[in-house]
């Protein structure tokens, strides 16, 4: 690795920077029970990914309907059968 780099040849891209709201990460503050966070961290470690990435994927899958609460599904089925 060089001690110094010549950045004088760098040029700016033409036009406005295009960033979609879906592409950007938005920092939030969230309070979670310690035991829940510990469980999420353990699972992320078991899978081999950072825990914040894991939490983001769980939230994404839940929001898209891919991840469903089993108890809520049972209640829905019971109500539908009645």
N, C-alpha and C. Protein backbone atom coordinates (compact mmCIF):
# COMPACT_ATOMS: atom_id res chain seq x y z
N UNK A 1 0.84 -1.18 0.00
CA UNK A 1 0.00 0.00 0.00
C UNK A 1 0.88 1.23 0.00
N UNK A 2 0.54 2.16 -0.86
CA UNK A 2 1.31 3.40 -0.96
C UNK A 2 1.05 4.30 0.24
N UNK A 3 2.04 5.13 0.57
CA UNK A 3 1.84 6.11 1.63
C UNK A 3 0.96 7.24 1.16
N UNK A 4 1.06 7.59 -0.13
CA UNK A 4 0.25 8.67 -0.69
C UNK A 4 -0.29 8.25 -2.05
N UNK A 5 -1.44 8.77 -2.38
CA UNK A 5 -2.06 8.51 -3.67
C UNK A 5 -2.30 9.83 -4.38
N UNK A 6 -2.15 9.80 -5.72
CA UNK A 6 -2.39 11.01 -6.52
C UNK A 6 -3.85 11.03 -6.93
N UNK A 7 -4.62 11.88 -6.29
CA UNK A 7 -6.05 11.98 -6.56
C UNK A 7 -6.40 13.11 -7.52
N UNK A 8 -5.38 13.77 -8.06
CA UNK A 8 -5.63 14.92 -8.93
C UNK A 8 -6.28 14.53 -10.26
N UNK A 9 -6.15 13.27 -10.67
CA UNK A 9 -6.71 12.83 -11.94
C UNK A 9 -8.16 12.35 -11.81
N UNK A 10 -8.68 12.31 -10.61
CA UNK A 10 -10.06 11.88 -10.42
C UNK A 10 -11.02 12.92 -10.98
N UNK A 11 -12.09 12.45 -11.58
CA UNK A 11 -13.10 13.36 -12.11
C UNK A 11 -14.46 13.01 -11.50
N UNK A 12 -15.31 14.00 -11.44
CA UNK A 12 -16.65 13.82 -10.91
C UNK A 12 -17.54 13.25 -12.01
N UNK A 13 -18.46 12.39 -11.63
CA UNK A 13 -19.41 11.87 -12.61
C UNK A 13 -20.37 12.97 -13.03
N UNK A 14 -20.76 12.93 -14.27
CA UNK A 14 -21.70 13.93 -14.78
C UNK A 14 -23.10 13.64 -14.26
N UNK A 15 -23.86 14.68 -14.01
CA UNK A 15 -25.25 14.53 -13.59
C UNK A 15 -25.40 14.34 -12.09
N UNK A 16 -26.65 14.23 -11.71
CA UNK A 16 -26.99 14.07 -10.30
C UNK A 16 -26.82 12.61 -9.88
N UNK A 17 -26.39 12.41 -8.66
CA UNK A 17 -26.23 11.05 -8.14
C UNK A 17 -27.61 10.44 -7.97
N UNK A 18 -27.78 9.23 -8.50
CA UNK A 18 -29.07 8.56 -8.43
C UNK A 18 -29.02 7.47 -7.37
N UNK A 19 -29.77 7.67 -6.33
CA UNK A 19 -29.87 6.67 -5.26
C UNK A 19 -31.34 6.48 -4.94
N UNK A 20 -31.80 5.27 -5.11
CA UNK A 20 -33.18 4.97 -4.78
C UNK A 20 -33.36 4.80 -3.29
N UNK A 21 -34.53 5.10 -2.78
CA UNK A 21 -34.76 4.97 -1.35
C UNK A 21 -34.67 3.51 -0.91
N UNK A 22 -34.94 2.58 -1.83
CA UNK A 22 -34.84 1.17 -1.50
C UNK A 22 -33.38 0.72 -1.41
N UNK A 23 -32.49 1.44 -2.08
CA UNK A 23 -31.09 1.05 -2.12
C UNK A 23 -30.32 1.55 -0.91
N UNK A 24 -30.83 2.55 -0.23
CA UNK A 24 -30.08 3.14 0.87
C UNK A 24 -30.48 2.51 2.20
N UNK A 25 -29.54 2.52 3.11
CA UNK A 25 -29.78 2.05 4.48
C UNK A 25 -30.10 3.26 5.34
N UNK A 26 -31.10 3.14 6.17
CA UNK A 26 -31.51 4.25 7.01
C UNK A 26 -31.27 3.85 8.46
N UNK A 27 -30.45 4.62 9.17
CA UNK A 27 -30.20 4.28 10.57
C UNK A 27 -31.43 4.54 11.43
N UNK A 28 -31.72 3.58 12.32
CA UNK A 28 -32.83 3.75 13.25
C UNK A 28 -32.34 3.36 14.64
N UNK A 29 -33.11 3.74 15.62
CA UNK A 29 -32.84 3.34 17.00
C UNK A 29 -33.99 2.45 17.43
N UNK A 30 -33.66 1.31 17.98
CA UNK A 30 -34.69 0.33 18.32
C UNK A 30 -34.34 -0.31 19.65
N UNK A 31 -35.30 -0.37 20.56
CA UNK A 31 -35.07 -1.02 21.86
C UNK A 31 -35.60 -2.45 21.78
N UNK A 32 -34.73 -3.40 22.14
CA UNK A 32 -35.05 -4.82 22.08
C UNK A 32 -34.65 -5.46 23.41
N UNK A 33 -35.45 -6.41 23.87
CA UNK A 33 -35.08 -7.12 25.09
C UNK A 33 -33.72 -7.78 24.91
N UNK A 34 -32.95 -7.78 25.98
CA UNK A 34 -31.61 -8.35 25.93
C UNK A 34 -31.59 -9.81 25.51
N UNK A 35 -32.56 -10.57 25.99
CA UNK A 35 -32.60 -12.00 25.64
C UNK A 35 -32.91 -12.20 24.16
N UNK A 36 -33.77 -11.33 23.62
CA UNK A 36 -34.11 -11.42 22.19
C UNK A 36 -32.88 -11.09 21.35
N UNK A 37 -32.18 -10.02 21.72
CA UNK A 37 -30.99 -9.64 20.98
C UNK A 37 -29.92 -10.72 21.07
N UNK A 38 -29.76 -11.32 22.25
CA UNK A 38 -28.78 -12.39 22.41
C UNK A 38 -29.12 -13.57 21.50
N UNK A 39 -30.41 -13.91 21.42
CA UNK A 39 -30.84 -15.02 20.55
C UNK A 39 -30.58 -14.70 19.08
N UNK A 40 -30.87 -13.46 18.69
CA UNK A 40 -30.63 -13.05 17.30
C UNK A 40 -29.14 -13.08 16.98
N UNK A 41 -28.31 -12.62 17.91
CA UNK A 41 -26.86 -12.63 17.70
C UNK A 41 -26.34 -14.06 17.59
N UNK A 42 -26.85 -14.95 18.44
CA UNK A 42 -26.42 -16.36 18.39
C UNK A 42 -26.78 -16.98 17.05
N UNK A 43 -28.00 -16.73 16.60
CA UNK A 43 -28.43 -17.31 15.32
C UNK A 43 -27.61 -16.74 14.16
N UNK A 44 -27.34 -15.44 14.19
CA UNK A 44 -26.52 -14.83 13.14
C UNK A 44 -25.11 -15.42 13.14
N UNK A 45 -24.58 -15.63 14.33
CA UNK A 45 -23.23 -16.23 14.43
C UNK A 45 -23.25 -17.66 13.90
N UNK A 46 -24.31 -18.41 14.21
CA UNK A 46 -24.42 -19.79 13.73
C UNK A 46 -24.46 -19.83 12.20
N UNK A 47 -25.19 -18.89 11.62
CA UNK A 47 -25.30 -18.82 10.16
C UNK A 47 -24.02 -18.28 9.54
N UNK A 48 -23.33 -17.42 10.30
CA UNK A 48 -22.08 -16.85 9.80
C UNK A 48 -22.23 -15.50 9.13
N UNK A 49 -23.22 -14.71 9.59
CA UNK A 49 -23.40 -13.37 9.04
C UNK A 49 -23.47 -12.37 10.19
N UNK A 50 -23.22 -11.09 9.93
CA UNK A 50 -23.34 -10.08 10.98
C UNK A 50 -24.78 -10.01 11.50
N UNK A 51 -24.93 -9.77 12.80
CA UNK A 51 -26.27 -9.82 13.39
C UNK A 51 -27.19 -8.72 12.86
N UNK A 52 -26.66 -7.55 12.52
CA UNK A 52 -27.52 -6.49 11.99
C UNK A 52 -28.05 -6.88 10.60
N UNK A 53 -27.23 -7.55 9.83
CA UNK A 53 -27.67 -8.05 8.52
C UNK A 53 -28.77 -9.09 8.72
N UNK A 54 -28.58 -9.96 9.70
CA UNK A 54 -29.58 -10.98 10.00
C UNK A 54 -30.90 -10.36 10.42
N UNK A 55 -30.85 -9.37 11.31
CA UNK A 55 -32.06 -8.70 11.77
C UNK A 55 -32.76 -8.02 10.60
N UNK A 56 -31.98 -7.37 9.73
CA UNK A 56 -32.55 -6.74 8.54
C UNK A 56 -33.24 -7.75 7.64
N UNK A 57 -32.63 -8.94 7.49
CA UNK A 57 -33.24 -9.95 6.62
C UNK A 57 -34.52 -10.51 7.23
N UNK A 58 -34.55 -10.67 8.56
CA UNK A 58 -35.76 -11.14 9.23
C UNK A 58 -36.88 -10.11 9.05
N UNK A 59 -36.57 -8.84 9.25
CA UNK A 59 -37.58 -7.78 9.08
C UNK A 59 -38.07 -7.73 7.64
N UNK A 60 -37.15 -7.87 6.69
CA UNK A 60 -37.54 -7.84 5.28
C UNK A 60 -38.46 -9.01 4.95
N UNK A 61 -38.08 -10.21 5.38
CA UNK A 61 -38.90 -11.39 5.08
C UNK A 61 -40.28 -11.29 5.73
N UNK A 62 -40.35 -10.73 6.94
CA UNK A 62 -41.65 -10.56 7.60
C UNK A 62 -42.50 -9.53 6.84
N UNK A 63 -41.88 -8.43 6.44
CA UNK A 63 -42.64 -7.36 5.76
C UNK A 63 -43.13 -7.77 4.38
N UNK A 64 -42.45 -8.74 3.74
CA UNK A 64 -42.88 -9.19 2.43
C UNK A 64 -43.80 -10.41 2.50
N UNK A 65 -44.09 -10.89 3.72
CA UNK A 65 -44.99 -12.03 3.87
C UNK A 65 -44.31 -13.38 3.75
N UNK A 66 -43.00 -13.39 3.57
CA UNK A 66 -42.27 -14.64 3.45
C UNK A 66 -42.10 -15.31 4.82
N UNK A 67 -42.05 -14.51 5.86
CA UNK A 67 -41.90 -15.01 7.22
C UNK A 67 -43.21 -14.73 7.95
N UNK A 68 -43.86 -15.79 8.43
CA UNK A 68 -45.18 -15.65 9.02
C UNK A 68 -45.17 -16.20 10.45
N UNK A 69 -45.88 -15.51 11.34
CA UNK A 69 -46.03 -15.96 12.72
C UNK A 69 -46.92 -17.20 12.73
N UNK A 70 -46.41 -18.32 13.25
CA UNK A 70 -47.16 -19.58 13.24
C UNK A 70 -48.46 -19.50 14.04
N UNK A 71 -48.41 -18.85 15.18
CA UNK A 71 -49.62 -18.73 16.00
C UNK A 71 -50.69 -17.90 15.30
N UNK A 72 -50.27 -16.81 14.68
CA UNK A 72 -51.23 -15.97 13.95
C UNK A 72 -51.83 -16.74 12.78
N UNK A 73 -51.03 -17.57 12.13
CA UNK A 73 -51.52 -18.37 11.01
C UNK A 73 -52.54 -19.40 11.48
N UNK A 74 -52.27 -20.03 12.65
CA UNK A 74 -53.22 -20.99 13.20
C UNK A 74 -54.55 -20.32 13.55
N UNK A 75 -54.48 -19.14 14.16
CA UNK A 75 -55.70 -18.40 14.52
C UNK A 75 -56.47 -18.03 13.25
N UNK A 76 -55.74 -17.59 12.23
CA UNK A 76 -56.40 -17.22 10.96
C UNK A 76 -57.10 -18.43 10.35
N UNK A 77 -56.44 -19.57 10.35
CA UNK A 77 -57.04 -20.78 9.80
C UNK A 77 -58.26 -21.20 10.60
N UNK A 78 -58.19 -21.08 11.93
CA UNK A 78 -59.32 -21.45 12.78
C UNK A 78 -60.51 -20.53 12.54
N UNK A 79 -60.24 -19.26 12.38
CA UNK A 79 -61.32 -18.29 12.12
C UNK A 79 -61.92 -18.51 10.74
N UNK A 80 -61.10 -18.85 9.79
CA UNK A 80 -61.58 -19.07 8.43
C UNK A 80 -62.44 -20.34 8.35
N UNK A 81 -62.08 -21.35 9.15
CA UNK A 81 -62.83 -22.61 9.14
C UNK A 81 -64.19 -22.47 9.82
N UNK A 82 -64.34 -21.48 10.69
CA UNK A 82 -65.61 -21.32 11.43
C UNK A 82 -66.70 -20.77 10.58
